[in-house]
Amino acid sequence: MGDGIEFPLVDYLLGLADLTGELMRVATNSAAGHDNVQIRRETAAQVSNFMSRVTDQCMVLGSRFGSTGNNLGSHRAVLGSSFAEKIETMRTSLEKVQLIVYRYILQD
């Protein structure tokens, strides 16, 4: 074993889904609190791009829960509904950050 910390798969995936909510908070706080408009714009765009990639990958995982070839095993029943709800929240958070980015684009 290495020096890493081991997490149950369910906890890891649900925690990853929660990350996007924190990223939304970072983008929102940056948009409201930084004096430099360029930094606000860049932060929102970077957060949006990263959130989009994470959300897309989680949606791929979510779409595979129903298949028989996944590696979730006994976690499938527990993770299925919880993760589906998290994915919807992730999408909503992403839309909010994208709206911030679009507002900056319209200001130009």
PDB file of N, CA and C in Angstrom:
ATOM      1  N   MET A   1       0.829  -1.191   0.000  1.00  0.00           N
ATOM      2  CA  MET A   1       0.000   0.000   0.000  1.00  0.00           C
ATOM      3  C   MET A   1       0.868   1.247   0.000  1.00  0.00           C
ATOM      4  N   GLY A   2       0.365   2.237  -0.707  1.00  0.00           N
ATOM      5  CA  GLY A   2       1.048   3.525  -0.745  1.00  0.00           C
ATOM      6  C   GLY A   2       0.618   4.387   0.419  1.00  0.00           C
ATOM      7  N   ASP A   3       0.925   5.634   0.306  1.00  0.00           N
ATOM      8  CA  ASP A   3       0.579   6.588   1.355  1.00  0.00           C
ATOM      9  C   ASP A   3      -0.811   7.181   1.180  1.00  0.00           C
ATOM     10  N   GLY A   4      -1.526   6.778   0.133  1.00  0.00           N
ATOM     11  CA  GLY A   4      -2.842   7.347  -0.150  1.00  0.00           C
ATOM     12  C   GLY A   4      -3.898   6.904   0.843  1.00  0.00           C
ATOM     13  N   ILE A   5      -4.972   7.630   0.837  1.00  0.00           N
ATOM     14  CA  ILE A   5      -6.118   7.319   1.686  1.00  0.00           C
ATOM     15  C   ILE A   5      -7.128   6.563   0.838  1.00  0.00           C
ATOM     16  N   GLU A   6      -7.661   5.492   1.378  1.00  0.00           N
ATOM     17  CA  GLU A   6      -8.657   4.719   0.645  1.00  0.00           C
ATOM     18  C   GLU A   6     -10.059   5.138   1.071  1.00  0.00           C
ATOM     19  N   PHE A   7     -10.930   5.297   0.079  1.00  0.00           N
ATOM     20  CA  PHE A   7     -12.327   5.642   0.310  1.00  0.00           C
ATOM     21  C   PHE A   7     -13.200   4.584  -0.336  1.00  0.00           C
ATOM     22  N   PRO A   8     -14.327   4.287   0.280  1.00  0.00           N
ATOM     23  CA  PRO A   8     -15.291   3.428  -0.411  1.00  0.00           C
ATOM     24  C   PRO A   8     -15.744   4.115  -1.698  1.00  0.00           C
ATOM     25  N   LEU A   9     -16.014   3.348  -2.723  1.00  0.00           N
ATOM     26  CA  LEU A   9     -16.403   3.890  -4.019  1.00  0.00           C
ATOM     27  C   LEU A   9     -17.590   4.837  -3.905  1.00  0.00           C
ATOM     28  N   VAL A  10     -18.585   4.457  -3.125  1.00  0.00           N
ATOM     29  CA  VAL A  10     -19.777   5.294  -2.973  1.00  0.00           C
ATOM     30  C   VAL A  10     -19.402   6.660  -2.416  1.00  0.00           C
ATOM     31  N   ASP A  11     -18.616   6.682  -1.361  1.00  0.00           N
ATOM     32  CA  ASP A  11     -18.221   7.949  -0.745  1.00  0.00           C
ATOM     33  C   ASP A  11     -17.404   8.808  -1.703  1.00  0.00           C
ATOM     34  N   TYR A  12     -16.518   8.176  -2.448  1.00  0.00           N
ATOM     35  CA  TYR A  12     -15.686   8.918  -3.395  1.00  0.00           C
ATOM     36  C   TYR A  12     -16.535   9.587  -4.468  1.00  0.00           C
ATOM     37  N   LEU A  13     -17.431   8.830  -5.084  1.00  0.00           N
ATOM     38  CA  LEU A  13     -18.255   9.376  -6.163  1.00  0.00           C
ATOM     39  C   LEU A  13     -19.218  10.449  -5.668  1.00  0.00           C
ATOM     40  N   LEU A  14     -19.820  10.231  -4.522  1.00  0.00           N
ATOM     41  CA  LEU A  14     -20.722  11.247  -3.978  1.00  0.00           C
ATOM     42  C   LEU A  14     -19.946  12.504  -3.572  1.00  0.00           C
ATOM     43  N   GLY A  15     -18.742  12.331  -3.050  1.00  0.00           N
ATOM     44  CA  GLY A  15     -17.900  13.476  -2.714  1.00  0.00           C
ATOM     45  C   GLY A  15     -17.471  14.249  -3.946  1.00  0.00           C
ATOM     46  N   LEU A  16     -17.162  13.524  -5.009  1.00  0.00           N
ATOM     47  CA  LEU A  16     -16.810  14.173  -6.269  1.00  0.00           C
ATOM     48  C   LEU A  16     -17.977  15.006  -6.782  1.00  0.00           C
ATOM     49  N   ALA A  17     -19.164  14.478  -6.636  1.00  0.00           N
ATOM     50  CA  ALA A  17     -20.356  15.224  -7.046  1.00  0.00           C
ATOM     51  C   ALA A  17     -20.526  16.484  -6.195  1.00  0.00           C
ATOM     52  N   ASP A  18     -20.215  16.404  -4.916  1.00  0.00           N
ATOM     53  CA  ASP A  18     -20.315  17.578  -4.037  1.00  0.00           C
ATOM     54  C   ASP A  18     -19.287  18.652  -4.394  1.00  0.00           C
ATOM     55  N   LEU A  19     -18.187  18.246  -4.993  1.00  0.00           N
ATOM     56  CA  LEU A  19     -17.140  19.190  -5.371  1.00  0.00           C
ATOM     57  C   LEU A  19     -17.673  20.293  -6.279  1.00  0.00           C
ATOM     58  N   THR A  20     -18.579  19.960  -7.161  1.00  0.00           N
ATOM     59  CA  THR A  20     -19.076  20.970  -8.098  1.00  0.00           C
ATOM     60  C   THR A  20     -19.851  22.079  -7.383  1.00  0.00           C
ATOM     61  N   GLY A  21     -20.502  21.759  -6.297  1.00  0.00           N
ATOM     62  CA  GLY A  21     -21.181  22.793  -5.512  1.00  0.00           C
ATOM     63  C   GLY A  21     -20.187  23.774  -4.908  1.00  0.00           C
ATOM     64  N   GLU A  22     -19.062  23.251  -4.448  1.00  0.00           N
ATOM     65  CA  GLU A  22     -18.020  24.117  -3.900  1.00  0.00           C
ATOM     66  C   GLU A  22     -17.388  24.962  -4.999  1.00  0.00           C
ATOM     67  N   LEU A  23     -17.225  24.378  -6.170  1.00  0.00           N
ATOM     68  CA  LEU A  23     -16.673  25.136  -7.291  1.00  0.00           C
ATOM     69  C   LEU A  23     -17.621  26.257  -7.713  1.00  0.00           C
ATOM     70  N   MET A  24     -18.910  25.986  -7.667  1.00  0.00           N
ATOM     71  CA  MET A  24     -19.889  27.026  -7.978  1.00  0.00           C
ATOM     72  C   MET A  24     -19.738  28.186  -6.988  1.00  0.00           C
ATOM     73  N   ARG A  25     -19.527  27.852  -5.741  1.00  0.00           N
ATOM     74  CA  ARG A  25     -19.337  28.876  -4.711  1.00  0.00           C
ATOM     75  C   ARG A  25     -18.091  29.707  -5.009  1.00  0.00           C
ATOM     76  N   VAL A  26     -17.009  29.056  -5.432  1.00  0.00           N
ATOM     77  CA  VAL A  26     -15.779  29.771  -5.780  1.00  0.00           C
ATOM     78  C   VAL A  26     -16.039  30.753  -6.919  1.00  0.00           C
ATOM     79  N   ALA A  27     -16.721  30.295  -7.961  1.00  0.00           N
ATOM     80  CA  ALA A  27     -17.005  31.162  -9.112  1.00  0.00           C
ATOM     81  C   ALA A  27     -17.905  32.327  -8.716  1.00  0.00           C
ATOM     82  N   THR A  28     -18.908  32.047  -7.902  1.00  0.00           N
ATOM     83  CA  THR A  28     -19.840  33.088  -7.475  1.00  0.00           C
ATOM     84  C   THR A  28     -19.142  34.121  -6.599  1.00  0.00           C
ATOM     85  N   ASN A  29     -18.343  33.647  -5.650  1.00  0.00           N
ATOM     86  CA  ASN A  29     -17.615  34.571  -4.776  1.00  0.00           C
ATOM     87  C   ASN A  29     -16.611  35.401  -5.558  1.00  0.00           C
ATOM     88  N   SER A  30     -15.963  34.788  -6.519  1.00  0.00           N
ATOM     89  CA  SER A  30     -15.002  35.516  -7.345  1.00  0.00           C
ATOM     90  C   SER A  30     -15.704  36.587  -8.169  1.00  0.00           C
ATOM     91  N   ALA A  31     -16.854  36.237  -8.724  1.00  0.00           N
ATOM     92  CA  ALA A  31     -17.605  37.191  -9.547  1.00  0.00           C
ATOM     93  C   ALA A  31     -18.067  38.384  -8.728  1.00  0.00           C
ATOM     94  N   ALA A  32     -18.344  38.158  -7.465  1.00  0.00           N
ATOM     95  CA  ALA A  32     -18.875  39.230  -6.621  1.00  0.00           C
ATOM     96  C   ALA A  32     -17.794  39.991  -5.874  1.00  0.00           C
ATOM     97  N   GLY A  33     -16.635  39.355  -5.677  1.00  0.00           N
ATOM     98  CA  GLY A  33     -15.718  39.941  -4.725  1.00  0.00           C
ATOM     99  C   GLY A  33     -14.389  40.447  -5.224  1.00  0.00           C
ATOM    100  N   HIS A  34     -14.016  40.186  -6.450  1.00  0.00           N
ATOM    101  CA  HIS A  34     -12.695  40.604  -6.904  1.00  0.00           C
ATOM    102  C   HIS A  34     -12.795  41.903  -7.692  1.00  0.00           C
ATOM    103  N   ASP A  35     -11.852  42.798  -7.455  1.00  0.00           N
ATOM    104  CA  ASP A  35     -11.867  44.100  -8.131  1.00  0.00           C
ATOM    105  C   ASP A  35     -11.502  44.001  -9.610  1.00  0.00           C
ATOM    106  N   ASN A  36     -10.642  43.057  -9.955  1.00  0.00           N
ATOM    107  CA  ASN A  36     -10.163  42.920 -11.327  1.00  0.00           C
ATOM    108  C   ASN A  36     -11.152  42.090 -12.147  1.00  0.00           C
ATOM    109  N   VAL A  37     -11.794  42.719 -13.116  1.00  0.00           N
ATOM    110  CA  VAL A  37     -12.811  42.044 -13.934  1.00  0.00           C
ATOM    111  C   VAL A  37     -12.202  40.899 -14.726  1.00  0.00           C
ATOM    112  N   GLN A  38     -10.981  41.075 -15.205  1.00  0.00           N
ATOM    113  CA  GLN A  38     -10.331  40.016 -15.986  1.00  0.00           C
ATOM    114  C   GLN A  38     -10.134  38.761 -15.139  1.00  0.00           C
ATOM    115  N   ILE A  39      -9.728  38.928 -13.896  1.00  0.00           N
ATOM    116  CA  ILE A  39      -9.553  37.782 -13.001  1.00  0.00           C
ATOM    117  C   ILE A  39     -10.896  37.119 -12.733  1.00  0.00           C
ATOM    118  N   ARG A  40     -11.933  37.908 -12.516  1.00  0.00           N
ATOM    119  CA  ARG A  40     -13.274  37.341 -12.294  1.00  0.00           C
ATOM    120  C   ARG A  40     -13.708  36.532 -13.504  1.00  0.00           C
ATOM    121  N   ARG A  41     -13.503  37.077 -14.685  1.00  0.00           N
ATOM    122  CA  ARG A  41     -13.908  36.417 -15.924  1.00  0.00           C
ATOM    123  C   ARG A  41     -13.138  35.108 -16.114  1.00  0.00           C
ATOM    124  N   GLU A  42     -11.814  35.155 -15.914  1.00  0.00           N
ATOM    125  CA  GLU A  42     -10.981  33.965 -16.095  1.00  0.00           C
ATOM    126  C   GLU A  42     -11.315  32.886 -15.072  1.00  0.00           C
ATOM    127  N   THR A  43     -11.536  33.291 -13.839  1.00  0.00           N
ATOM    128  CA  THR A  43     -11.887  32.320 -12.797  1.00  0.00           C
ATOM    129  C   THR A  43     -13.194  31.626 -13.133  1.00  0.00           C
ATOM    130  N   ALA A  44     -14.193  32.387 -13.515  1.00  0.00           N
ATOM    131  CA  ALA A  44     -15.489  31.798 -13.862  1.00  0.00           C
ATOM    132  C   ALA A  44     -15.360  30.849 -15.049  1.00  0.00           C
ATOM    133  N   ALA A  45     -14.587  31.225 -16.054  1.00  0.00           N
ATOM    134  CA  ALA A  45     -14.415  30.373 -17.234  1.00  0.00           C
ATOM    135  C   ALA A  45     -13.675  29.088 -16.885  1.00  0.00           C
ATOM    136  N   GLN A  46     -12.628  29.182 -16.075  1.00  0.00           N
ATOM    137  CA  GLN A  46     -11.877  27.994 -15.670  1.00  0.00           C
ATOM    138  C   GLN A  46     -12.738  27.056 -14.840  1.00  0.00           C
ATOM    139  N   VAL A  47     -13.468  27.613 -13.906  1.00  0.00           N
ATOM    140  CA  VAL A  47     -14.351  26.793 -13.070  1.00  0.00           C
ATOM    141  C   VAL A  47     -15.424  26.134 -13.931  1.00  0.00           C
ATOM    142  N   SER A  48     -16.000  26.886 -14.848  1.00  0.00           N
ATOM    143  CA  SER A  48     -17.037  26.345 -15.728  1.00  0.00           C
ATOM    144  C   SER A  48     -16.506  25.182 -16.562  1.00  0.00           C
ATOM    145  N   ASN A  49     -15.318  25.347 -17.135  1.00  0.00           N
ATOM    146  CA  ASN A  49     -14.734  24.280 -17.950  1.00  0.00           C
ATOM    147  C   ASN A  49     -14.477  23.023 -17.134  1.00  0.00           C
ATOM    148  N   PHE A  50     -13.913  23.194 -15.942  1.00  0.00           N
ATOM    149  CA  PHE A  50     -13.628  22.037 -15.098  1.00  0.00           C
ATOM    150  C   PHE A  50     -14.920  21.360 -14.644  1.00  0.00           C
ATOM    151  N   MET A  51     -15.879  22.173 -14.204  1.00  0.00           N
ATOM    152  CA  MET A  51     -17.168  21.613 -13.770  1.00  0.00           C
ATOM    153  C   MET A  51     -17.847  20.854 -14.903  1.00  0.00           C
ATOM    154  N   SER A  52     -17.736  21.369 -16.104  1.00  0.00           N
ATOM    155  CA  SER A  52     -18.345  20.717 -17.257  1.00  0.00           C
ATOM    156  C   SER A  52     -17.739  19.338 -17.476  1.00  0.00           C
ATOM    157  N   ARG A  53     -16.411  19.243 -17.372  1.00  0.00           N
ATOM    158  CA  ARG A  53     -15.752  17.938 -17.558  1.00  0.00           C
ATOM    159  C   ARG A  53     -16.142  16.957 -16.460  1.00  0.00           C
ATOM    160  N   VAL A  54     -16.141  17.418 -15.215  1.00  0.00           N
ATOM    161  CA  VAL A  54     -16.513  16.535 -14.097  1.00  0.00           C
ATOM    162  C   VAL A  54     -17.966  16.084 -14.237  1.00  0.00           C
ATOM    163  N   THR A  55     -18.852  17.018 -14.548  1.00  0.00           N
ATOM    164  CA  THR A  55     -20.272  16.690 -14.698  1.00  0.00           C
ATOM    165  C   THR A  55     -20.483  15.704 -15.835  1.00  0.00           C
ATOM    166  N   ASP A  56     -19.823  15.930 -16.962  1.00  0.00           N
ATOM    167  CA  ASP A  56     -19.952  15.009 -18.097  1.00  0.00           C
ATOM    168  C   ASP A  56     -19.517  13.598 -17.721  1.00  0.00           C
ATOM    169  N   GLN A  57     -18.394  13.488 -17.025  1.00  0.00           N
ATOM    170  CA  GLN A  57     -17.901  12.159 -16.652  1.00  0.00           C
ATOM    171  C   GLN A  57     -18.818  11.490 -15.626  1.00  0.00           C
ATOM    172  N   CYS A  58     -19.343  12.259 -14.709  1.00  0.00           N
ATOM    173  CA  CYS A  58     -20.280  11.686 -13.733  1.00  0.00           C
ATOM    174  C   CYS A  58     -21.567  11.240 -14.417  1.00  0.00           C
ATOM    175  N   MET A  59     -21.984  11.974 -15.443  1.00  0.00           N
ATOM    176  CA  MET A  59     -23.172  11.568 -16.188  1.00  0.00           C
ATOM    177  C   MET A  59     -22.920  10.251 -16.926  1.00  0.00           C
ATOM    178  N   VAL A  60     -21.708  10.069 -17.434  1.00  0.00           N
ATOM    179  CA  VAL A  60     -21.355   8.800 -18.076  1.00  0.00           C
ATOM    180  C   VAL A  60     -21.435   7.673 -17.051  1.00  0.00           C
ATOM    181  N   LEU A  61     -20.867   7.906 -15.868  1.00  0.00           N
ATOM    182  CA  LEU A  61     -20.952   6.890 -14.813  1.00  0.00           C
ATOM    183  C   LEU A  61     -22.400   6.604 -14.446  1.00  0.00           C
ATOM    184  N   GLY A  62     -23.178   7.665 -14.300  1.00  0.00           N
ATOM    185  CA  GLY A  62     -24.585   7.498 -13.941  1.00  0.00           C
ATOM    186  C   GLY A  62     -25.356   6.714 -14.974  1.00  0.00           C
ATOM    187  N   SER A  63     -25.023   6.904 -16.243  1.00  0.00           N
ATOM    188  CA  SER A  63     -25.739   6.183 -17.296  1.00  0.00           C
ATOM    189  C   SER A  63     -25.396   4.705 -17.305  1.00  0.00           C
ATOM    190  N   ARG A  64     -24.285   4.347 -16.698  1.00  0.00           N
ATOM    191  CA  ARG A  64     -23.860   2.941 -16.688  1.00  0.00           C
ATOM    192  C   ARG A  64     -24.346   2.168 -15.467  1.00  0.00           C
ATOM    193  N   PHE A  65     -24.993   2.840 -14.520  1.00  0.00           N
ATOM    194  CA  PHE A  65     -25.450   2.135 -13.324  1.00  0.00           C
ATOM    195  C   PHE A  65     -26.431   1.028 -13.654  1.00  0.00           C
ATOM    196  N   GLY A  66     -27.232   1.229 -14.664  1.00  0.00           N
ATOM    197  CA  GLY A  66     -28.236   0.232 -15.007  1.00  0.00           C
ATOM    198  C   GLY A  66     -27.700  -0.939 -15.796  1.00  0.00           C
ATOM    199  N   SER A  67     -26.465  -0.809 -16.312  1.00  0.00           N
ATOM    200  CA  SER A  67     -25.927  -1.896 -17.129  1.00  0.00           C
ATOM    201  C   SER A  67     -25.383  -3.009 -16.256  1.00  0.00           C
ATOM    202  N   THR A  68     -25.336  -4.204 -16.805  1.00  0.00           N
ATOM    203  CA  THR A  68     -24.862  -5.358 -16.037  1.00  0.00           C
ATOM    204  C   THR A  68     -23.348  -5.450 -16.036  1.00  0.00           C
ATOM    205  N   GLY A  69     -22.684  -4.683 -16.867  1.00  0.00           N
ATOM    206  CA  GLY A  69     -21.242  -4.792 -16.969  1.00  0.00           C
ATOM    207  C   GLY A  69     -20.475  -3.790 -16.128  1.00  0.00           C
ATOM    208  N   ASN A  70     -21.132  -3.133 -15.192  1.00  0.00           N
ATOM    209  CA  ASN A  70     -20.391  -2.132 -14.418  1.00  0.00           C
ATOM    210  C   ASN A  70     -19.663  -2.769 -13.243  1.00  0.00           C
ATOM    211  N   ASN A  71     -18.794  -1.985 -12.628  1.00  0.00           N
ATOM    212  CA  ASN A  71     -17.990  -2.463 -11.505  1.00  0.00           C
ATOM    213  C   ASN A  71     -18.514  -1.969 -10.163  1.00  0.00           C
ATOM    214  N   LEU A  72     -19.735  -1.504 -10.135  1.00  0.00           N
ATOM    215  CA  LEU A  72     -20.266  -0.953  -8.889  1.00  0.00           C
ATOM    216  C   LEU A  72     -20.780  -2.026  -7.944  1.00  0.00           C
ATOM    217  N   GLY A  73     -21.073  -3.183  -8.477  1.00  0.00           N
ATOM    218  CA  GLY A  73     -21.494  -4.312  -7.659  1.00  0.00           C
ATOM    219  C   GLY A  73     -22.605  -3.963  -6.699  1.00  0.00           C
ATOM    220  N   SER A  74     -22.377  -4.219  -5.402  1.00  0.00           N
ATOM    221  CA  SER A  74     -23.407  -3.995  -4.385  1.00  0.00           C
ATOM    222  C   SER A  74     -23.690  -2.513  -4.163  1.00  0.00           C
ATOM    223  N   HIS A  75     -22.840  -1.644  -4.664  1.00  0.00           N
ATOM    224  CA  HIS A  75     -23.058  -0.204  -4.499  1.00  0.00           C
ATOM    225  C   HIS A  75     -24.147   0.319  -5.422  1.00  0.00           C
ATOM    226  N   ARG A  76     -24.508  -0.456  -6.442  1.00  0.00           N
ATOM    227  CA  ARG A  76     -25.427   0.033  -7.470  1.00  0.00           C
ATOM    228  C   ARG A  76     -26.733   0.535  -6.876  1.00  0.00           C
ATOM    229  N   ALA A  77     -27.351  -0.228  -5.992  1.00  0.00           N
ATOM    230  CA  ALA A  77     -28.654   0.158  -5.442  1.00  0.00           C
ATOM    231  C   ALA A  77     -28.543   1.419  -4.586  1.00  0.00           C
ATOM    232  N   VAL A  78     -27.496   1.508  -3.789  1.00  0.00           N
ATOM    233  CA  VAL A  78     -27.317   2.664  -2.917  1.00  0.00           C
ATOM    234  C   VAL A  78     -26.951   3.895  -3.731  1.00  0.00           C
ATOM    235  N   LEU A  79     -26.041   3.732  -4.653  1.00  0.00           N
ATOM    236  CA  LEU A  79     -25.522   4.857  -5.408  1.00  0.00           C
ATOM    237  C   LEU A  79     -26.484   5.338  -6.474  1.00  0.00           C
ATOM    238  N   GLY A  80     -27.287   4.453  -7.005  1.00  0.00           N
ATOM    239  CA  GLY A  80     -28.163   4.799  -8.119  1.00  0.00           C
ATOM    240  C   GLY A  80     -29.013   6.029  -7.892  1.00  0.00           C
ATOM    241  N   SER A  81     -29.881   6.028  -6.904  1.00  0.00           N
ATOM    242  CA  SER A  81     -30.778   7.168  -6.696  1.00  0.00           C
ATOM    243  C   SER A  81     -30.035   8.372  -6.119  1.00  0.00           C
ATOM    244  N   SER A  82     -29.121   8.142  -5.194  1.00  0.00           N
ATOM    245  CA  SER A  82     -28.360   9.252  -4.614  1.00  0.00           C
ATOM    246  C   SER A  82     -27.518   9.938  -5.678  1.00  0.00           C
ATOM    247  N   PHE A  83     -26.882   9.141  -6.506  1.00  0.00           N
ATOM    248  CA  PHE A  83     -26.009   9.710  -7.524  1.00  0.00           C
ATOM    249  C   PHE A  83     -26.813  10.418  -8.604  1.00  0.00           C
ATOM    250  N   ALA A  84     -27.973   9.883  -8.934  1.00  0.00           N
ATOM    251  CA  ALA A  84     -28.835  10.547  -9.919  1.00  0.00           C
ATOM    252  C   ALA A  84     -29.241  11.933  -9.421  1.00  0.00           C
ATOM    253  N   GLU A  85     -29.561  12.039  -8.141  1.00  0.00           N
ATOM    254  CA  GLU A  85     -29.903  13.342  -7.560  1.00  0.00           C
ATOM    255  C   GLU A  85     -28.697  14.279  -7.572  1.00  0.00           C
ATOM    256  N   LYS A  86     -27.525  13.732  -7.260  1.00  0.00           N
ATOM    257  CA  LYS A  86     -26.305  14.543  -7.263  1.00  0.00           C
ATOM    258  C   LYS A  86     -26.007  15.060  -8.668  1.00  0.00           C
ATOM    259  N   ILE A  87     -26.207  14.209  -9.674  1.00  0.00           N
ATOM    260  CA  ILE A  87     -25.951  14.626 -11.051  1.00  0.00           C
ATOM    261  C   ILE A  87     -26.861  15.789 -11.429  1.00  0.00           C
ATOM    262  N   GLU A  88     -28.109  15.723 -11.034  1.00  0.00           N
ATOM    263  CA  GLU A  88     -29.032  16.823 -11.340  1.00  0.00           C
ATOM    264  C   GLU A  88     -28.580  18.111 -10.650  1.00  0.00           C
ATOM    265  N   THR A  89     -28.117  18.008  -9.418  1.00  0.00           N
ATOM    266  CA  THR A  89     -27.599  19.173  -8.700  1.00  0.00           C
ATOM    267  C   THR A  89     -26.341  19.702  -9.375  1.00  0.00           C
ATOM    268  N   MET A  90     -25.489  18.791  -9.844  1.00  0.00           N
ATOM    269  CA  MET A  90     -24.279  19.192 -10.560  1.00  0.00           C
ATOM    270  C   MET A  90     -24.634  19.983 -11.812  1.00  0.00           C
ATOM    271  N   ARG A  91     -25.617  19.513 -12.535  1.00  0.00           N
ATOM    272  CA  ARG A  91     -26.033  20.196 -13.761  1.00  0.00           C
ATOM    273  C   ARG A  91     -26.568  21.597 -13.451  1.00  0.00           C
ATOM    274  N   THR A  92     -27.342  21.708 -12.380  1.00  0.00           N
ATOM    275  CA  THR A  92     -27.872  23.009 -11.976  1.00  0.00           C
ATOM    276  C   THR A  92     -26.738  23.957 -11.580  1.00  0.00           C
ATOM    277  N   SER A  93     -25.777  23.452 -10.823  1.00  0.00           N
ATOM    278  CA  SER A  93     -24.625  24.273 -10.425  1.00  0.00           C
ATOM    279  C   SER A  93     -23.835  24.720 -11.648  1.00  0.00           C
ATOM    280  N   LEU A  94     -23.631  23.811 -12.587  1.00  0.00           N
ATOM    281  CA  LEU A  94     -22.908  24.149 -13.811  1.00  0.00           C
ATOM    282  C   LEU A  94     -23.644  25.234 -14.590  1.00  0.00           C
ATOM    283  N   GLU A  95     -24.950  25.119 -14.690  1.00  0.00           N
ATOM    284  CA  GLU A  95     -25.733  26.130 -15.406  1.00  0.00           C
ATOM    285  C   GLU A  95     -25.576  27.510 -14.763  1.00  0.00           C
ATOM    286  N   LYS A  96     -25.522  27.557 -13.441  1.00  0.00           N
ATOM    287  CA  LYS A  96     -25.357  28.839 -12.745  1.00  0.00           C
ATOM    288  C   LYS A  96     -23.999  29.462 -13.057  1.00  0.00           C
ATOM    289  N   VAL A  97     -22.961  28.629 -13.080  1.00  0.00           N
ATOM    290  CA  VAL A  97     -21.630  29.148 -13.391  1.00  0.00           C
ATOM    291  C   VAL A  97     -21.555  29.560 -14.860  1.00  0.00           C
ATOM    292  N   GLN A  98     -22.160  28.782 -15.735  1.00  0.00           N
ATOM    293  CA  GLN A  98     -22.180  29.152 -17.151  1.00  0.00           C
ATOM    294  C   GLN A  98     -22.904  30.479 -17.357  1.00  0.00           C
ATOM    295  N   LEU A  99     -23.928  30.727 -16.582  1.00  0.00           N
ATOM    296  CA  LEU A  99     -24.640  32.004 -16.664  1.00  0.00           C
ATOM    297  C   LEU A  99     -23.720  33.168 -16.287  1.00  0.00           C
ATOM    298  N   ILE A 100     -22.890  32.969 -15.287  1.00  0.00           N
ATOM    299  CA  ILE A 100     -21.910  33.992 -14.909  1.00  0.00           C
ATOM    300  C   ILE A 100     -20.968  34.259 -16.081  1.00  0.00           C
ATOM    301  N   VAL A 101     -20.479  33.183 -16.705  1.00  0.00           N
ATOM    302  CA  VAL A 101     -19.566  33.327 -17.846  1.00  0.00           C
ATOM    303  C   VAL A 101     -20.258  34.061 -18.987  1.00  0.00           C
ATOM    304  N   TYR A 102     -21.493  33.686 -19.286  1.00  0.00           N
ATOM    305  CA  TYR A 102     -22.236  34.334 -20.372  1.00  0.00           C
ATOM    306  C   TYR A 102     -22.444  35.818 -20.102  1.00  0.00           C
ATOM    307  N   ARG A 103     -22.674  36.168 -18.855  1.00  0.00           N
ATOM    308  CA  ARG A 103     -22.844  37.587 -18.516  1.00  0.00           C
ATOM    309  C   ARG A 103     -21.576  38.376 -18.810  1.00  0.00           C
ATOM    310  N   TYR A 104     -20.428  37.761 -18.519  1.00  0.00           N
ATOM    311  CA  TYR A 104     -19.164  38.427 -18.849  1.00  0.00           C
ATOM    312  C   TYR A 104     -19.002  38.569 -20.358  1.00  0.00           C
ATOM    313  N   ILE A 105     -19.398  37.559 -21.105  1.00  0.00           N
ATOM    314  CA  ILE A 105     -19.304  37.620 -22.565  1.00  0.00           C
ATOM    315  C   ILE A 105     -20.182  38.745 -23.101  1.00  0.00           C
ATOM    316  N   LEU A 106     -21.381  38.868 -22.560  1.00  0.00           N
ATOM    317  CA  LEU A 106     -22.297  39.913 -23.017  1.00  0.00           C
ATOM    318  C   LEU A 106     -21.801  41.314 -22.667  1.00  0.00           C
ATOM    319  N   GLN A 107     -21.031  41.422 -21.604  1.00  0.00           N
ATOM    320  CA  GLN A 107     -20.503  42.725 -21.193  1.00  0.00           C
ATOM    321  C   GLN A 107     -19.420  43.236 -22.137  1.00  0.00           C
ATOM    322  N   ASP A 108     -18.781  42.319 -22.840  1.00  0.00           N
ATOM    323  CA  ASP A 108     -17.691  42.730 -23.755  1.00  0.00           C
ATOM    324  C   ASP A 108     -18.178  43.458 -24.964  1.00  0.00           C
TER     325      ASP A 108
END
